[in-house]
Amino acid sequence: MPHSITTLTRRSMLQQAALFTLSLASAAAPRRALANEPGNDVFSSAQDGATRLRELGERLAAIERRRDFDEVPFMLTSAQYWDKDAAAQVLSYRYRARQVWENTDIAGPWPGLMREAMNGQVFAHDNPDFLAVSATQGLAHLALFSQPMWDKYALATLAGPKFAMNSLIAEKPGVSPDDKLEDVQGVYGPMNSNIVSLQRRGAVFIGCHDSIHAIARTLQTGAFETARADHIAADLTNNMIPDVVLVPSVVAFMVEMQRRGFTYSKGG
């Protein structure tokens, strides 16, 4: 090959390699800038997270949740409408084992699956401060409303034939953390798969404003057509069961949870 052609070929290859390297650097730079930009993380204020389940529970209990709304909008853009500080504490929890369950079907197996995960992590895998989080949305969100709301809005008609009442918040009487692990009738057994018992053991239930407003709009098209959906949604929000952490959108919040190392599981 003539020397001039060889030189030209080598020069072209070097130029192409340089352009390729430059393009990679240019593409990576915005991503690095975006990742390092503090203003892009709405939860950046909660950096010093709890490291034990009891500590997380104490922190969450100390945070006031607003439940006195007259109306709530369809789209939440202001933190005054949701539990931002409590959500930040959940995200910043720093224990080695954390799991988020996406629960959408009120009749699905998720209460039992969450109980089994907690049993296995605590007693078999030696993770006593394992955190199980329910990312609750869709019709599963009906389980986060108090029984008076079920009565007022006839929520059993939405929940389906398995639910004449909100049985998922009815804790089995007489159960105790002192129950034997092999007692299938006890607190750790399948007969005690309910939200209240899971909360007592440290599980956190995330509420979804989008689901609440969707349920409110469904009710508005039925017996409550004279009421505004924003007013029904406010009433439902004000009457969720204790200790729920409300976020604007559960599907959006799960992105934040997975970014911080939570293991995702589908609960049904």
Protein backbone atom coordinates (compact mmCIF):
# COMPACT_ATOMS: atom_id res chain seq x y z
CA MET A 1 0.00 0.00 0.00
CA PRO A 2 1.42 3.46 -0.87
CA HIS A 3 2.67 5.49 2.06
CA SER A 4 0.20 8.35 1.44
CA ILE A 5 -2.81 6.00 1.50
CA THR A 6 -1.56 4.33 4.68
CA THR A 7 -1.12 7.68 6.38
CA LEU A 8 -4.59 8.82 5.30
CA THR A 9 -6.19 5.61 6.55
CA ARG A 10 -4.50 5.88 9.93
CA ARG A 11 -5.43 9.55 10.22
CA SER A 12 -9.09 8.75 9.45
CA MET A 13 -9.17 6.00 12.04
CA LEU A 14 -7.69 8.30 14.69
CA GLN A 15 -10.19 11.03 13.84
CA GLN A 16 -13.12 8.61 14.08
CA ALA A 17 -11.89 7.28 17.41
CA ALA A 18 -11.49 10.80 18.76
CA LEU A 19 -14.99 11.77 17.61
CA PHE A 20 -16.45 8.62 19.20
CA THR A 21 -14.71 9.35 22.51
CA LEU A 22 -15.89 12.96 22.40
CA SER A 23 -19.47 11.91 21.73
CA LEU A 24 -19.41 9.52 24.71
CA ALA A 25 -18.03 12.24 26.96
CA SER A 26 -20.63 14.73 25.74
CA ALA A 27 -23.46 12.29 26.37
CA ALA A 28 -22.21 11.39 29.84
CA ALA A 29 -21.64 14.97 30.99
CA PRO A 30 -25.32 15.98 31.18
CA ARG A 31 -26.15 12.77 32.99
CA ARG A 32 -23.41 13.38 35.55
CA ALA A 33 -24.53 16.97 35.98
CA LEU A 34 -28.14 15.88 36.40
CA ALA A 35 -27.24 13.22 38.96
CA ASN A 36 -25.13 15.64 40.96
CA GLU A 37 -27.58 18.52 40.84
CA PRO A 38 -29.03 18.81 44.40
CA GLY A 39 -32.13 20.64 43.25
CA ASN A 40 -33.27 17.62 41.23
CA ASP A 41 -33.95 15.45 44.28
CA VAL A 42 -37.08 16.53 46.13
CA PHE A 43 -36.07 14.24 48.99
CA SER A 44 -32.47 15.48 49.32
CA SER A 45 -33.23 16.97 52.75
CA ALA A 46 -33.53 13.50 54.36
CA GLN A 47 -29.97 12.21 54.22
CA ASP A 48 -29.51 10.99 57.80
CA GLY A 49 -31.89 8.07 57.73
CA ALA A 50 -32.82 5.68 60.52
CA THR A 51 -30.85 2.44 60.72
CA ARG A 52 -33.24 0.40 62.88
CA LEU A 53 -36.94 -0.35 62.45
CA ARG A 54 -37.90 0.98 65.87
CA GLU A 55 -36.10 4.25 65.16
CA LEU A 56 -37.89 4.59 61.81
CA GLY A 57 -41.22 3.98 63.52
CA GLU A 58 -40.48 6.64 66.12
CA ARG A 59 -39.51 9.15 63.45
CA LEU A 60 -42.63 8.48 61.42
CA ALA A 61 -44.85 8.72 64.50
CA ALA A 62 -43.39 12.15 65.28
CA ILE A 63 -44.24 13.55 61.84
CA GLU A 64 -47.67 15.14 61.58
CA ARG A 65 -49.77 14.08 58.59
CA ARG A 66 -52.31 16.59 57.34
CA ARG A 67 -55.80 15.09 57.29
CA ASP A 68 -58.09 18.14 57.34
CA PHE A 69 -58.66 18.81 53.65
CA ASP A 70 -61.83 20.39 52.28
CA GLU A 71 -60.84 19.44 48.75
CA VAL A 72 -57.78 18.08 46.96
CA PRO A 73 -56.89 18.62 43.29
CA PHE A 74 -56.53 15.95 40.64
CA MET A 75 -52.80 16.64 40.16
CA LEU A 76 -50.60 17.28 43.18
CA THR A 77 -47.81 19.79 42.65
CA SER A 78 -47.51 21.14 46.19
CA ALA A 79 -46.14 19.29 49.22
CA GLN A 80 -48.99 20.69 51.34
CA TYR A 81 -51.21 17.92 49.95
CA TRP A 82 -49.03 14.90 50.80
CA ASP A 83 -46.71 13.45 53.43
CA LYS A 84 -43.38 14.52 51.97
CA ASP A 85 -41.42 14.44 55.24
CA ALA A 86 -42.67 10.99 56.21
CA ALA A 87 -41.99 9.71 52.69
CA ALA A 88 -38.45 11.06 52.91
CA GLN A 89 -37.86 9.10 56.11
CA VAL A 90 -38.98 5.88 54.42
CA LEU A 91 -36.67 6.52 51.47
CA SER A 92 -33.69 7.31 53.70
CA TYR A 93 -33.99 4.16 55.85
CA ARG A 94 -30.49 2.65 55.78
CA TYR A 95 -30.86 -0.96 56.89
CA ARG A 96 -29.38 -3.65 54.64
CA ALA A 97 -32.70 -5.36 53.76
CA ARG A 98 -35.61 -3.35 52.35
CA GLN A 99 -38.47 -4.43 50.10
CA VAL A 100 -41.30 -2.61 48.33
CA TRP A 101 -44.43 -4.49 47.31
CA GLU A 102 -46.57 -3.13 44.49
CA ASN A 103 -50.11 -4.01 45.60
CA THR A 104 -53.00 -3.26 43.26
CA ASP A 105 -55.72 -5.90 43.80
CA ILE A 106 -57.56 -5.78 47.12
CA ALA A 107 -58.37 -9.49 46.77
CA GLY A 108 -54.79 -10.41 45.88
CA PRO A 109 -52.37 -12.43 48.05
CA TRP A 110 -50.20 -9.47 49.09
CA PRO A 111 -51.00 -9.39 52.86
CA GLY A 112 -49.86 -13.00 53.18
CA LEU A 113 -46.86 -12.47 50.93
CA MET A 114 -45.71 -9.48 52.97
CA ARG A 115 -46.13 -11.50 56.18
CA GLU A 116 -44.11 -14.37 54.70
CA ALA A 117 -41.35 -12.02 53.57
CA MET A 118 -41.15 -10.49 57.03
CA ASN A 119 -41.09 -13.91 58.69
CA GLY A 120 -38.36 -15.18 56.39
CA GLN A 121 -36.17 -12.09 56.59
CA VAL A 122 -36.41 -11.75 60.36
CA PHE A 123 -36.29 -15.36 61.50
CA ALA A 124 -34.45 -17.20 58.70
CA HIS A 125 -32.14 -14.56 57.21
CA ASP A 126 -31.32 -12.82 60.50
CA ASN A 127 -32.49 -9.37 59.39
CA PRO A 128 -34.46 -8.20 62.45
CA ASP A 129 -34.83 -4.66 61.10
CA PHE A 130 -36.08 -5.68 57.66
CA LEU A 131 -38.48 -3.08 56.24
CA ALA A 132 -41.47 -4.16 54.15
CA VAL A 133 -43.30 -1.37 52.34
CA SER A 134 -46.66 -1.65 50.62
CA ALA A 135 -46.88 0.61 47.56
CA THR A 136 -50.66 0.55 47.55
CA GLN A 137 -52.68 1.60 44.52
CA GLY A 138 -55.71 0.70 42.42
CA LEU A 139 -58.51 -1.14 44.18
CA ALA A 140 -56.06 -2.36 46.82
CA HIS A 141 -56.18 1.21 48.08
CA LEU A 142 -59.70 0.57 49.38
CA ALA A 143 -58.04 -1.37 52.21
CA LEU A 144 -56.45 1.87 53.48
CA PHE A 145 -59.78 3.57 54.19
CA SER A 146 -61.49 3.34 57.56
CA GLN A 147 -64.65 1.30 58.01
CA PRO A 148 -66.82 4.46 58.31
CA MET A 149 -65.68 5.38 54.78
CA TRP A 150 -66.62 1.91 53.58
CA ASP A 151 -70.06 2.43 55.09
CA LYS A 152 -70.53 5.99 53.84
CA TYR A 153 -69.50 5.34 50.23
CA ALA A 154 -70.53 1.66 50.00
CA LEU A 155 -66.96 0.73 49.08
CA ALA A 156 -67.79 -2.96 49.33
CA THR A 157 -69.50 -2.61 45.95
CA LEU A 158 -66.13 -1.64 44.45
CA ALA A 159 -64.11 -4.18 46.43
CA GLY A 160 -65.97 -7.22 45.12
CA PRO A 161 -67.76 -10.21 46.62
CA LYS A 162 -64.97 -11.17 49.04
CA PHE A 163 -65.42 -7.98 51.06
CA ALA A 164 -68.63 -7.10 52.86
CA MET A 165 -66.45 -4.91 55.08
CA ASN A 166 -62.79 -3.88 55.28
CA SER A 167 -61.64 -7.14 56.82
CA LEU A 168 -58.00 -6.32 55.99
CA ILE A 169 -57.87 -3.91 58.92
CA ALA A 170 -59.48 -6.36 61.35
CA GLU A 171 -56.70 -7.79 63.48
CA LYS A 172 -57.27 -11.28 64.84
CA PRO A 173 -58.01 -10.98 68.58
CA GLY A 174 -55.57 -12.31 71.09
CA VAL A 175 -52.47 -12.39 68.91
CA SER A 176 -49.15 -11.33 70.39
CA PRO A 177 -45.47 -11.05 69.37
CA ASP A 178 -44.93 -13.66 72.08
CA ASP A 179 -46.82 -16.28 70.05
CA LYS A 180 -44.76 -19.33 69.14
CA LEU A 181 -43.30 -19.18 65.65
CA GLU A 182 -44.87 -22.53 64.76
CA ASP A 183 -48.35 -21.43 65.86
CA VAL A 184 -50.25 -21.11 62.56
CA GLN A 185 -53.09 -19.43 64.46
CA GLY A 186 -50.75 -16.85 66.01
CA VAL A 187 -49.44 -13.47 64.99
CA TYR A 188 -46.94 -14.96 62.51
CA GLY A 189 -49.37 -17.42 60.94
CA PRO A 190 -51.53 -17.19 57.80
CA MET A 191 -54.70 -16.60 59.81
CA ASN A 192 -53.29 -13.22 60.83
CA SER A 193 -52.46 -11.67 57.44
CA ASN A 194 -53.84 -8.18 57.87
CA ILE A 195 -52.64 -4.60 57.62
CA VAL A 196 -52.84 -3.75 61.32
CA SER A 197 -50.67 -6.71 62.38
CA LEU A 198 -48.14 -5.94 59.66
CA GLN A 199 -47.97 -2.32 60.80
CA ARG A 200 -47.38 -3.43 64.39
CA ARG A 201 -44.40 -5.40 63.13
CA GLY A 202 -42.96 -2.37 61.33
CA ALA A 203 -44.39 -2.55 57.82
CA VAL A 204 -45.17 0.81 56.20
CA PHE A 205 -48.15 1.38 53.92
CA ILE A 206 -47.83 4.01 51.21
CA GLY A 207 -51.05 5.66 50.08
CA CYS A 208 -51.55 6.94 46.52
CA HIS A 209 -53.31 10.24 45.83
CA ASP A 210 -53.84 9.29 42.18
CA SER A 211 -55.72 6.17 43.26
CA ILE A 212 -57.76 8.10 45.83
CA HIS A 213 -58.86 10.64 43.24
CA ALA A 214 -59.66 7.89 40.73
CA ILE A 215 -61.85 6.15 43.33
CA ALA A 216 -63.51 9.48 44.07
CA ARG A 217 -64.30 10.02 40.38
CA THR A 218 -65.77 6.52 40.19
CA LEU A 219 -68.01 7.26 43.16
CA GLN A 220 -69.02 10.57 41.57
CA THR A 221 -70.45 8.76 38.56
CA GLY A 222 -72.67 6.67 40.83
CA ALA A 223 -74.69 7.54 43.90
CA PHE A 224 -72.62 10.64 44.66
CA GLU A 225 -72.96 12.40 41.31
CA THR A 226 -73.93 15.68 42.99
CA ALA A 227 -70.64 15.83 44.88
CA ARG A 228 -67.38 17.08 43.42
CA ALA A 229 -64.64 14.49 42.99
CA ASP A 230 -62.18 16.84 44.72
CA HIS A 231 -64.42 16.88 47.81
CA ILE A 232 -64.89 13.09 47.87
CA ALA A 233 -61.13 12.60 47.47
CA ALA A 234 -60.52 14.95 50.40
CA ASP A 235 -62.96 13.01 52.58
CA LEU A 236 -61.28 9.71 51.71
CA THR A 237 -57.84 11.18 52.33
CA ASN A 238 -58.87 12.54 55.72
CA ASN A 239 -60.14 9.13 56.74
CA MET A 240 -57.36 6.76 55.82
CA ILE A 241 -56.29 4.34 58.52
CA PRO A 242 -53.57 5.54 60.93
CA ASP A 243 -49.91 5.72 59.90
CA VAL A 244 -50.40 5.64 56.12
CA VAL A 245 -47.78 7.69 54.27
CA LEU A 246 -49.46 9.55 51.41
CA VAL A 247 -47.57 10.29 48.18
CA PRO A 248 -48.81 11.91 44.95
CA SER A 249 -48.32 8.79 42.83
CA VAL A 250 -47.25 5.35 44.00
CA VAL A 251 -45.87 4.37 40.59
CA ALA A 252 -43.69 7.49 40.63
CA PHE A 253 -42.63 6.90 44.25
CA MET A 254 -41.49 3.36 43.45
CA VAL A 255 -38.87 4.86 41.13
CA GLU A 256 -37.44 6.76 44.09
CA MET A 257 -37.50 3.63 46.24
CA GLN A 258 -35.69 1.50 43.70
CA ARG A 259 -33.13 4.26 43.14
CA ARG A 260 -32.31 3.94 46.84
CA GLY A 261 -31.94 0.17 46.84
CA PHE A 262 -35.37 -1.21 47.75
CA THR A 263 -36.06 -4.62 46.25
CA TYR A 264 -39.19 -4.57 44.09
CA SER A 265 -41.83 -7.31 44.35
CA LYS A 266 -45.29 -7.60 42.81
CA GLY A 267 -47.89 -8.50 45.39
CA GLY A 268 -50.97 -8.76 43.19
